N, C-alpha and C. Protein backbone atom coordinates (compact mmCIF):
# COMPACT_ATOMS: atom_id res chain seq x y z
N UNK A 1 -12.89 -37.77 -5.44
CA UNK A 1 -12.98 -36.96 -6.79
C UNK A 1 -13.34 -37.65 -7.82
N UNK A 2 -13.82 -38.11 -8.26
CA UNK A 2 -13.72 -38.40 -9.69
C UNK A 2 -13.47 -37.54 -10.92
N UNK A 3 -12.34 -38.40 -11.19
CA UNK A 3 -12.18 -36.80 -12.47
C UNK A 3 -11.58 -38.31 -13.75
N UNK A 4 -11.95 -37.58 -15.11
CA UNK A 4 -11.57 -38.37 -16.10
C UNK A 4 -11.16 -37.91 -17.25
N UNK A 5 -11.34 -38.71 -18.54
CA UNK A 5 -10.53 -37.95 -19.74
C UNK A 5 -12.32 -37.61 -20.50
N UNK A 6 -12.00 -36.35 -20.48
CA UNK A 6 -13.01 -35.71 -21.53
C UNK A 6 -13.35 -36.68 -22.91
N UNK A 7 -14.57 -37.15 -23.08
CA UNK A 7 -14.95 -37.60 -24.25
C UNK A 7 -15.87 -36.97 -25.23
N UNK A 8 -16.32 -37.09 -26.64
CA UNK A 8 -17.03 -36.20 -26.77
C UNK A 8 -18.62 -35.47 -26.79
N UNK A 9 -19.02 -36.38 -25.87
CA UNK A 9 -20.24 -35.94 -25.66
C UNK A 9 -19.91 -35.20 -24.41
N UNK A 10 -18.80 -34.36 -24.08
CA UNK A 10 -18.65 -33.84 -23.05
C UNK A 10 -18.70 -32.24 -23.71
N UNK A 11 -19.17 -31.81 -25.18
CA UNK A 11 -18.52 -30.64 -25.61
C UNK A 11 -19.25 -30.23 -25.14
N UNK A 12 -20.48 -29.96 -25.02
CA UNK A 12 -21.43 -28.67 -24.83
C UNK A 12 -20.90 -28.33 -22.87
N UNK A 13 -20.71 -29.04 -21.71
CA UNK A 13 -20.42 -29.27 -20.87
C UNK A 13 -18.95 -28.06 -20.95
N UNK A 14 -18.08 -28.99 -22.08
CA UNK A 14 -16.83 -27.79 -22.09
C UNK A 14 -16.76 -26.50 -22.56
N UNK A 15 -17.47 -26.26 -24.00
CA UNK A 15 -17.70 -25.03 -24.05
C UNK A 15 -18.52 -24.25 -22.64
N UNK A 16 -19.50 -24.62 -22.01
CA UNK A 16 -20.36 -23.97 -20.92
C UNK A 16 -18.72 -23.66 -20.21
N UNK A 17 -18.20 -24.68 -19.12
CA UNK A 17 -16.95 -23.78 -18.49
C UNK A 17 -15.81 -23.08 -19.00
N UNK A 18 -15.71 -23.09 -20.15
CA UNK A 18 -14.63 -22.22 -21.27
C UNK A 18 -15.72 -20.97 -20.58
N UNK A 19 -16.71 -20.73 -20.94
CA UNK A 19 -17.48 -19.10 -20.85
C UNK A 19 -17.93 -18.98 -19.84
N UNK A 20 -18.56 -20.11 -18.81
CA UNK A 20 -17.77 -19.33 -16.99
C UNK A 20 -16.82 -18.62 -16.57
N UNK A 21 -15.45 -19.64 -17.50
CA UNK A 21 -14.41 -19.42 -17.14
C UNK A 21 -14.59 -17.97 -17.27
N UNK A 22 -14.45 -17.50 -18.69
CA UNK A 22 -14.22 -16.26 -19.34
C UNK A 22 -15.20 -15.30 -18.63
N UNK A 23 -15.92 -15.19 -18.18
CA UNK A 23 -17.07 -14.66 -17.22
C UNK A 23 -16.65 -14.17 -15.86
N UNK A 24 -15.84 -15.09 -15.05
CA UNK A 24 -15.02 -15.27 -14.05
C UNK A 24 -13.89 -14.16 -14.05
N UNK A 25 -13.07 -14.64 -15.27
CA UNK A 25 -11.88 -14.08 -15.21
C UNK A 25 -11.96 -12.14 -16.27
N UNK A 26 -13.43 -11.73 -16.35
CA UNK A 26 -13.56 -10.32 -16.30
C UNK A 26 -13.77 -10.63 -18.30
N UNK A 27 -13.69 -11.66 -19.03
CA UNK A 27 -13.54 -11.32 -20.41
C UNK A 27 -14.66 -12.30 -21.02
N UNK A 28 -15.88 -11.75 -20.63
CA UNK A 28 -16.94 -12.91 -21.17
C UNK A 28 -17.19 -12.62 -23.09
N UNK A 29 -16.92 -11.84 -23.41
CA UNK A 29 -17.00 -11.37 -24.86
C UNK A 29 -15.70 -11.94 -25.64
N UNK A 30 -14.91 -12.42 -24.46
CA UNK A 30 -13.48 -13.14 -25.80
C UNK A 30 -13.56 -14.67 -26.52
N UNK A 31 -14.71 -14.97 -25.66
CA UNK A 31 -14.95 -16.83 -25.83
C UNK A 31 -15.79 -16.28 -27.95
N UNK A 32 -14.50 -16.94 -28.89
CA UNK A 32 -15.57 -17.22 -29.67
C UNK A 32 -15.28 -18.34 -30.62
N UNK A 33 -14.78 -19.25 -29.64
CA UNK A 33 -14.61 -20.42 -30.35
C UNK A 33 -15.77 -21.12 -31.14
N UNK A 34 -15.40 -21.61 -32.14
CA UNK A 34 -16.51 -22.44 -33.11
C UNK A 34 -16.25 -23.81 -32.65
N UNK A 35 -17.61 -24.88 -32.21
CA UNK A 35 -17.87 -25.60 -31.56
C UNK A 35 -17.24 -27.09 -32.43
N UNK A 36 -17.34 -26.65 -33.44
CA UNK A 36 -16.90 -27.99 -34.46
C UNK A 36 -15.34 -27.66 -34.76
N UNK A 37 -14.77 -26.55 -34.73
CA UNK A 37 -13.38 -26.51 -34.63
C UNK A 37 -12.80 -27.13 -33.17
N UNK A 38 -12.79 -26.88 -32.41
CA UNK A 38 -12.78 -27.29 -30.62
C UNK A 38 -12.99 -28.84 -30.94
N UNK A 39 -13.72 -28.92 -31.01
CA UNK A 39 -14.08 -30.56 -30.82
C UNK A 39 -13.27 -31.27 -31.86
N UNK A 40 -12.53 -30.75 -32.69
CA UNK A 40 -11.20 -31.11 -33.72
C UNK A 40 -10.01 -30.72 -32.66
N UNK A 41 -10.06 -30.19 -32.08
CA UNK A 41 -8.50 -29.47 -31.27
C UNK A 41 -8.73 -30.66 -30.25
N UNK A 42 -9.61 -30.80 -29.51
CA UNK A 42 -9.40 -31.89 -28.28
C UNK A 42 -9.74 -32.84 -28.49
N UNK A 43 -10.59 -33.72 -29.68
CA UNK A 43 -10.93 -35.51 -29.76
C UNK A 43 -10.21 -35.60 -31.26
N UNK A 44 -9.52 -34.95 -31.89
CA UNK A 44 -9.21 -35.37 -33.12
C UNK A 44 -10.30 -35.17 -34.23
N UNK A 45 -9.64 -35.65 -35.26
CA UNK A 45 -10.59 -35.58 -36.96
C UNK A 45 -9.59 -36.72 -37.45
N UNK A 46 -10.10 -37.79 -37.18
CA UNK A 46 -9.02 -39.23 -37.82
C UNK A 46 -9.33 -39.20 -39.13
N UNK A 47 -10.38 -39.07 -39.50
CA UNK A 47 -10.44 -39.32 -40.92
C UNK A 47 -10.06 -38.39 -42.00
N UNK A 48 -9.25 -36.83 -41.03
CA UNK A 48 -8.23 -35.97 -41.86
C UNK A 48 -6.93 -36.43 -41.27
N UNK A 49 -6.32 -37.85 -40.59
CA UNK A 49 -5.50 -37.84 -40.28
C UNK A 49 -5.02 -36.46 -39.13
N UNK A 50 -5.85 -35.75 -38.60
CA UNK A 50 -5.50 -35.01 -37.25
C UNK A 50 -5.88 -35.75 -36.00
N UNK A 51 -4.85 -36.20 -35.17
CA UNK A 51 -5.17 -36.03 -33.61
C UNK A 51 -5.18 -35.11 -32.88
N UNK A 52 -5.71 -35.17 -31.61
CA UNK A 52 -5.91 -33.66 -30.98
C UNK A 52 -4.70 -33.04 -30.26
N UNK A 53 -5.22 -31.97 -30.46
CA UNK A 53 -4.08 -30.69 -30.21
C UNK A 53 -4.07 -30.32 -28.74
N UNK A 54 -5.06 -31.15 -27.96
CA UNK A 54 -5.17 -30.67 -26.53
C UNK A 54 -5.84 -31.54 -25.60
N UNK A 55 -6.34 -31.48 -24.19
CA UNK A 55 -6.94 -33.04 -23.69
C UNK A 55 -8.02 -32.17 -22.44
N UNK A 56 -8.30 -32.64 -22.02
CA UNK A 56 -9.60 -32.29 -21.00
C UNK A 56 -10.17 -33.55 -20.28
N UNK A 57 -10.06 -32.84 -18.75
CA UNK A 57 -9.68 -34.02 -17.71
C UNK A 57 -11.57 -33.04 -17.01
N UNK A 58 -12.61 -33.82 -16.50
CA UNK A 58 -13.35 -33.50 -16.26
C UNK A 58 -13.78 -33.44 -14.81
N UNK A 59 -14.02 -33.18 -13.54
CA UNK A 59 -14.35 -33.57 -12.77
C UNK A 59 -15.57 -33.65 -12.67
N UNK A 60 -16.27 -34.54 -11.73
CA UNK A 60 -17.05 -35.20 -11.43
C UNK A 60 -17.73 -34.99 -9.82
N UNK A 61 -18.93 -35.23 -9.52
CA UNK A 61 -19.53 -35.29 -8.62
C UNK A 61 -19.56 -36.63 -8.15
N UNK A 62 -19.76 -37.44 -6.93
CA UNK A 62 -19.90 -38.76 -7.20
C UNK A 62 -21.49 -39.36 -8.29
N UNK A 63 -22.28 -38.23 -7.64
CA UNK A 63 -22.94 -38.49 -8.92
C UNK A 63 -23.38 -38.75 -10.21
N UNK A 64 -22.19 -38.31 -10.78
CA UNK A 64 -21.96 -38.03 -11.98
C UNK A 64 -22.44 -36.56 -12.90
N UNK A 65 -22.25 -35.62 -11.74
CA UNK A 65 -21.96 -34.47 -12.81
C UNK A 65 -21.54 -33.75 -12.54
N UNK A 66 -20.99 -33.37 -13.72
CA UNK A 66 -19.29 -32.09 -14.33
C UNK A 66 -19.63 -30.81 -13.38
N UNK A 67 -18.65 -30.83 -12.77
CA UNK A 67 -18.59 -29.72 -12.22
C UNK A 67 -17.31 -28.83 -12.28
N UNK A 68 -16.48 -29.40 -13.10
CA UNK A 68 -15.10 -28.55 -13.22
C UNK A 68 -14.46 -29.01 -14.67
N UNK A 69 -13.33 -28.48 -15.21
CA UNK A 69 -12.28 -29.20 -16.24
C UNK A 69 -10.85 -28.31 -15.75
N UNK A 70 -10.01 -29.52 -16.44
CA UNK A 70 -8.64 -28.65 -16.79
C UNK A 70 -8.05 -29.43 -18.31
N UNK A 71 -7.78 -28.14 -19.18
CA UNK A 71 -7.33 -28.57 -20.37
C UNK A 71 -6.13 -28.12 -20.32
N UNK A 72 -4.94 -29.01 -21.16
CA UNK A 72 -4.04 -28.80 -21.10
C UNK A 72 -3.23 -29.71 -22.48
N UNK A 73 -2.05 -29.18 -22.72
CA UNK A 73 -1.11 -29.74 -23.94
C UNK A 73 0.02 -29.56 -23.81
N UNK A 74 1.28 -30.62 -24.12
CA UNK A 74 2.32 -30.21 -23.70
C UNK A 74 2.70 -29.59 -24.62
N UNK A 75 4.20 -28.98 -23.92
CA UNK A 75 4.89 -27.89 -24.23
C UNK A 75 6.49 -28.22 -24.78
N UNK A 76 7.71 -28.18 -24.49
CA UNK A 76 9.13 -28.40 -24.54
C UNK A 76 9.98 -28.16 -23.90
N UNK A 77 10.53 -28.44 -23.18
CA UNK A 77 11.96 -27.74 -22.49
C UNK A 77 13.30 -27.84 -23.35
N UNK A 78 13.96 -26.79 -23.93
CA UNK A 78 15.19 -27.67 -25.03
C UNK A 78 16.17 -27.75 -23.74
N UNK A 79 16.42 -26.63 -22.50
CA UNK A 79 17.07 -27.24 -21.55
C UNK A 79 17.26 -28.54 -20.83
N UNK A 80 15.66 -29.10 -20.78
CA UNK A 80 15.66 -30.12 -19.99
C UNK A 80 16.10 -31.24 -20.92
N UNK A 81 15.66 -31.00 -22.16
CA UNK A 81 15.58 -31.62 -23.23
C UNK A 81 14.51 -32.82 -22.80
N UNK A 82 13.59 -32.58 -22.76
CA UNK A 82 12.72 -33.61 -22.46
C UNK A 82 10.53 -32.60 -22.54
N UNK A 83 9.84 -32.85 -22.39
CA UNK A 83 8.17 -31.91 -22.49
C UNK A 83 8.23 -31.87 -21.22
N UNK A 84 6.97 -31.15 -21.45
CA UNK A 84 6.11 -30.37 -20.24
C UNK A 84 4.46 -30.60 -20.39
N UNK A 85 4.35 -30.15 -19.89
CA UNK A 85 2.53 -30.32 -19.70
C UNK A 85 2.53 -28.82 -19.03
N UNK A 86 1.35 -28.17 -19.96
CA UNK A 86 0.67 -26.43 -19.79
C UNK A 86 -0.93 -26.50 -19.26
N UNK A 87 -0.96 -26.30 -18.20
CA UNK A 87 -2.31 -26.00 -18.10
C UNK A 87 -2.62 -24.70 -18.65
N UNK A 88 -3.87 -25.04 -20.11
CA UNK A 88 -3.68 -23.66 -20.46
C UNK A 88 -5.19 -22.88 -19.60
N UNK A 89 -6.59 -23.69 -18.78
CA UNK A 89 -7.57 -23.73 -18.39
C UNK A 89 -7.82 -24.62 -17.10
N UNK A 90 -8.16 -23.86 -15.85
CA UNK A 90 -8.65 -25.03 -14.86
C UNK A 90 -9.72 -23.98 -14.10
N UNK A 91 -11.08 -24.76 -14.07
CA UNK A 91 -12.59 -23.84 -13.75
C UNK A 91 -13.07 -24.92 -12.77
N UNK A 92 -13.38 -24.83 -11.41
CA UNK A 92 -14.60 -24.96 -11.23
C UNK A 92 -15.44 -24.66 -10.78
N UNK A 93 -17.35 -24.94 -10.64
CA UNK A 93 -17.79 -24.11 -10.50
C UNK A 93 -18.12 -23.52 -9.03
N UNK A 94 -18.09 -22.06 -9.16
CA UNK A 94 -18.08 -21.09 -8.00
C UNK A 94 -18.72 -22.20 -6.86
N UNK A 95 -19.53 -22.71 -6.48
CA UNK A 95 -20.57 -23.53 -5.68
C UNK A 95 -19.82 -24.53 -5.08
N UNK A 96 -19.00 -25.27 -6.34
CA UNK A 96 -18.27 -26.57 -5.79
C UNK A 96 -16.86 -25.78 -5.48
N UNK A 97 -16.37 -24.72 -5.19
CA UNK A 97 -15.02 -24.52 -4.78
C UNK A 97 -14.41 -25.10 -3.26
N UNK A 98 -13.85 -25.53 -2.71
CA UNK A 98 -13.06 -25.96 -1.73
C UNK A 98 -14.02 -27.11 -1.54
N UNK A 99 -14.15 -27.94 -2.07
CA UNK A 99 -14.41 -29.54 -2.00
C UNK A 99 -13.88 -30.07 -2.54
N UNK A 100 -12.52 -29.70 -2.70
CA UNK A 100 -11.27 -30.97 -3.74
C UNK A 100 -11.44 -31.01 -4.93
N UNK A 101 -12.31 -30.58 -5.40
CA UNK A 101 -12.18 -30.91 -7.18
C UNK A 101 -10.90 -30.50 -8.13
N UNK A 102 -10.75 -29.01 -7.51
CA UNK A 102 -9.37 -28.58 -7.99
C UNK A 102 -8.09 -29.46 -8.21
N UNK A 103 -8.08 -29.75 -6.89
CA UNK A 103 -6.84 -30.12 -6.48
C UNK A 103 -6.68 -31.53 -7.30
N UNK A 104 -8.17 -32.10 -7.21
CA UNK A 104 -8.07 -33.17 -8.18
C UNK A 104 -7.53 -32.79 -9.32
N UNK A 105 -8.51 -32.59 -10.05
CA UNK A 105 -7.69 -31.90 -11.31
C UNK A 105 -6.76 -31.63 -11.20
N UNK A 106 -6.29 -31.10 -10.79
CA UNK A 106 -4.45 -30.25 -10.78
C UNK A 106 -3.53 -31.70 -10.13
N UNK A 107 -3.93 -32.46 -9.54
CA UNK A 107 -3.25 -33.83 -9.47
C UNK A 107 -3.41 -35.15 -10.40
N UNK A 108 -4.68 -35.24 -11.00
CA UNK A 108 -4.83 -35.83 -12.18
C UNK A 108 -3.93 -35.57 -13.66
N UNK A 109 -3.87 -33.74 -13.54
CA UNK A 109 -2.93 -33.64 -14.19
C UNK A 109 -1.13 -33.89 -13.94
N UNK A 110 -1.06 -33.49 -13.02
CA UNK A 110 0.84 -33.93 -12.48
C UNK A 110 0.40 -35.84 -12.98
N UNK A 111 0.15 -36.22 -12.56
CA UNK A 111 0.00 -37.93 -12.83
C UNK A 111 0.02 -38.10 -14.47
N UNK A 112 -0.03 -37.06 -14.85
CA UNK A 112 -0.55 -37.85 -16.63
C UNK A 112 1.01 -37.26 -17.45
N UNK A 113 1.65 -35.65 -16.25
CA UNK A 113 2.85 -34.98 -16.50
C UNK A 113 3.85 -36.26 -16.20
N UNK A 114 3.83 -36.57 -14.53
CA UNK A 114 4.85 -38.10 -14.23
C UNK A 114 4.82 -39.48 -15.49
N UNK A 115 3.13 -39.75 -15.63
CA UNK A 115 3.26 -40.91 -16.32
C UNK A 115 4.03 -40.82 -18.22
N UNK A 116 4.16 -39.41 -18.52
CA UNK A 116 4.33 -39.21 -19.70
C UNK A 116 5.75 -38.82 -19.79
N UNK A 117 6.68 -38.71 -18.87
CA UNK A 117 7.89 -38.59 -18.57
C UNK A 117 8.09 -36.89 -18.65
N UNK A 118 7.29 -35.63 -18.85
CA UNK A 118 7.16 -34.32 -18.72
C UNK A 118 7.80 -34.07 -17.05
N UNK A 119 8.88 -33.26 -17.65
CA UNK A 119 9.35 -32.54 -16.39
C UNK A 119 9.55 -31.36 -16.10
N UNK A 120 7.92 -30.70 -16.38
CA UNK A 120 7.26 -29.78 -15.74
C UNK A 120 6.15 -29.44 -15.68
N UNK A 121 5.30 -29.24 -15.13
CA UNK A 121 4.02 -29.07 -15.18
C UNK A 121 4.01 -27.45 -14.91
N UNK A 122 3.22 -26.14 -15.96
CA UNK A 122 3.42 -25.18 -15.83
C UNK A 122 1.64 -24.37 -16.04
N UNK A 123 1.33 -23.67 -15.28
CA UNK A 123 0.44 -22.81 -16.07
C UNK A 123 0.78 -21.40 -15.53
N UNK A 124 -0.47 -20.66 -16.04
CA UNK A 124 -0.49 -18.65 -15.55
C UNK A 124 -1.66 -18.66 -15.08
N UNK A 125 -1.17 -17.28 -14.37
CA UNK A 125 -2.37 -17.19 -12.96
C UNK A 125 -2.83 -15.78 -13.26
N UNK A 126 -3.81 -15.23 -13.04
CA UNK A 126 -3.85 -13.72 -13.89
C UNK A 126 -3.22 -12.89 -12.17
N UNK A 127 -2.80 -12.24 -12.45
CA UNK A 127 -2.01 -11.58 -11.35
C UNK A 127 -3.27 -10.71 -9.58
N UNK A 128 -4.56 -10.78 -10.70
CA UNK A 128 -5.16 -9.93 -9.45
C UNK A 128 -6.73 -11.40 -8.93
N UNK A 129 -6.01 -12.59 -9.50
CA UNK A 129 -6.95 -13.33 -8.93
C UNK A 129 -5.95 -14.29 -7.76
N UNK A 130 -6.01 -13.65 -6.96
CA UNK A 130 -5.31 -13.42 -5.82
C UNK A 130 -5.99 -15.67 -4.77
N UNK A 131 -7.41 -15.28 -5.04
CA UNK A 131 -7.51 -17.01 -4.27
C UNK A 131 -7.03 -18.26 -5.13
N UNK A 132 -7.37 -18.05 -6.61
CA UNK A 132 -6.18 -19.21 -7.08
C UNK A 132 -4.45 -18.99 -6.46
N UNK A 133 -3.80 -17.82 -6.59
CA UNK A 133 -2.53 -17.89 -6.32
C UNK A 133 -2.57 -18.32 -5.05
N UNK A 134 -3.03 -17.98 -3.75
CA UNK A 134 -3.30 -19.16 -2.58
C UNK A 134 -3.26 -20.42 -2.72
N UNK A 135 -4.26 -20.55 -3.30
CA UNK A 135 -4.58 -21.64 -4.06
C UNK A 135 -3.11 -22.79 -5.06
N UNK A 136 -2.30 -22.04 -5.43
CA UNK A 136 -1.68 -22.75 -6.34
C UNK A 136 -0.02 -22.84 -4.88
N UNK A 137 -0.17 -21.58 -4.59
CA UNK A 137 1.05 -21.72 -3.36
C UNK A 137 0.97 -23.11 -2.33
N UNK A 138 -0.49 -23.38 -2.17
CA UNK A 138 -0.24 -23.95 -1.04
C UNK A 138 0.46 -25.72 -1.48
N UNK A 139 0.09 -25.60 -2.73
CA UNK A 139 0.75 -26.69 -3.54
C UNK A 139 1.96 -27.04 -3.46
N UNK A 140 2.63 -25.75 -3.67
CA UNK A 140 4.08 -25.92 -3.51
C UNK A 140 4.16 -25.19 -5.16
N UNK A 141 3.70 -24.61 -5.59
CA UNK A 141 4.20 -24.25 -6.61
C UNK A 141 5.19 -23.17 -6.81
N UNK A 142 5.52 -22.49 -7.43
CA UNK A 142 6.39 -21.22 -7.20
C UNK A 142 5.83 -20.50 -9.04
N UNK A 143 5.93 -18.79 -8.15
CA UNK A 143 5.70 -18.30 -9.46
C UNK A 143 7.45 -17.90 -10.28
N UNK A 144 7.26 -17.56 -11.32
CA UNK A 144 8.56 -17.29 -12.10
C UNK A 144 8.18 -15.99 -12.31
N UNK A 145 9.01 -15.10 -11.50
CA UNK A 145 8.43 -13.87 -11.64
C UNK A 145 9.25 -13.24 -12.92
N UNK A 146 10.41 -13.93 -12.58
CA UNK A 146 11.27 -13.17 -13.97
C UNK A 146 10.92 -13.39 -15.50
N UNK A 147 9.44 -13.79 -15.65
CA UNK A 147 9.16 -14.01 -17.23
C UNK A 147 7.97 -13.24 -17.53
N UNK A 148 7.98 -12.80 -18.61
CA UNK A 148 7.02 -12.12 -18.96
C UNK A 148 6.33 -12.54 -20.09
N UNK A 149 4.94 -12.85 -20.21
CA UNK A 149 4.27 -13.28 -21.44
C UNK A 149 3.48 -12.64 -22.20
N UNK A 150 4.35 -12.89 -23.55
CA UNK A 150 4.16 -12.42 -24.87
C UNK A 150 2.75 -12.61 -25.67
N UNK A 151 2.15 -12.19 -26.46
CA UNK A 151 1.00 -13.10 -27.24
C UNK A 151 0.83 -12.28 -28.72
N UNK A 152 0.83 -12.60 -29.94
CA UNK A 152 0.63 -12.52 -31.35
C UNK A 152 -0.65 -12.84 -31.45
N UNK A 153 -1.77 -11.67 -31.72
CA UNK A 153 -3.04 -12.56 -32.30
C UNK A 153 -3.50 -12.06 -33.37
N UNK A 154 -4.46 -12.58 -34.28
CA UNK A 154 -5.24 -11.33 -35.34
C UNK A 154 -4.02 -11.04 -36.66
N UNK A 155 -4.04 -9.60 -37.14
CA UNK A 155 -3.62 -9.10 -37.65
C UNK A 155 -2.20 -8.94 -37.63
N UNK A 156 -1.34 -8.36 -36.17
CA UNK A 156 -0.34 -8.36 -35.88
C UNK A 156 0.55 -10.83 -36.21
N UNK A 157 -0.13 -11.08 -36.03
CA UNK A 157 0.26 -13.19 -36.30
C UNK A 157 0.50 -12.96 -37.33
N UNK A 158 -1.18 -12.47 -38.52
CA UNK A 158 -0.52 -13.27 -39.51
C UNK A 158 0.40 -12.28 -40.62
N UNK A 159 1.00 -10.82 -40.04
CA UNK A 159 2.06 -9.94 -40.33
C UNK A 159 3.17 -10.63 -40.20
N UNK A 160 3.63 -10.97 -38.96
CA UNK A 160 4.53 -11.64 -38.44
C UNK A 160 4.75 -12.95 -39.55
N UNK A 161 3.98 -13.83 -40.10
CA UNK A 161 3.28 -15.33 -40.58
C UNK A 161 4.24 -15.37 -41.89
N UNK A 162 3.53 -13.49 -42.62
CA UNK A 162 4.28 -13.19 -43.97
C UNK A 162 5.70 -12.66 -44.46
N UNK A 163 6.47 -13.00 -43.14
CA UNK A 163 7.73 -12.36 -43.36
C UNK A 163 8.77 -13.41 -43.84
N UNK A 164 8.46 -14.29 -43.06
CA UNK A 164 9.45 -15.42 -44.15
C UNK A 164 8.73 -17.01 -43.97
N UNK A 165 9.22 -17.44 -45.38
CA UNK A 165 8.77 -18.85 -45.41
C UNK A 165 9.45 -19.98 -44.93
N UNK A 166 9.19 -20.94 -44.55
CA UNK A 166 9.87 -21.59 -43.84
C UNK A 166 10.21 -22.91 -44.79
N UNK A 167 11.30 -23.45 -45.56
CA UNK A 167 11.77 -24.39 -46.69
C UNK A 167 11.52 -25.88 -46.09
N UNK A 168 10.82 -26.96 -46.52
CA UNK A 168 10.65 -28.29 -46.10
C UNK A 168 10.07 -28.94 -47.13
C-alpha cells in the first residue's frame, strides 16, 4: 500500500477527502475551509516565514490513484516531557475500505511518531462509528473513557481571547 507525504498539487484531492469525511460523519455543511488558507497551513508560506501547522499523508493504489488520507499534527505531553502525534482525520474512500489502506496510513503515522521521538499517537472517534472503533481496537488502541473533549469556536472563542493579554 503506497503511502506518501502530500504535495501542494494534492490540495484539491485533500479538500475532496475532507468533504467526503464530513459527509460520512453526517456534517456535510460544517466544512467551511478556505482553499488558500488550508494550503498555507499544510504546506507553509516560506515568503511569510510560516511553516506548516499540520501534515498529510496520501494513500494510493499501485496505479497512483489517491484513495485516502491522514491529517496529523504534533501535540505535547507535559507529564512525559515529550511530543505526541495527534491524528485529526483519517479517511479512505468507502469502496476502497477493508483493503489495508487505513492500516497503511496509521502505520505510516506511527512510524513518523516513533522516528520523531513521540511518546503518544492519539486520535478521537465518534461514539456511533462502530466500524472505526472496532478497527482501532483491533490495532491495540485503548479508548480514554475518563476524558471529555471540550471545544471553543466562533464567538465564545473570541470572547475568551479578549479576557486577558499575554505579555511577551
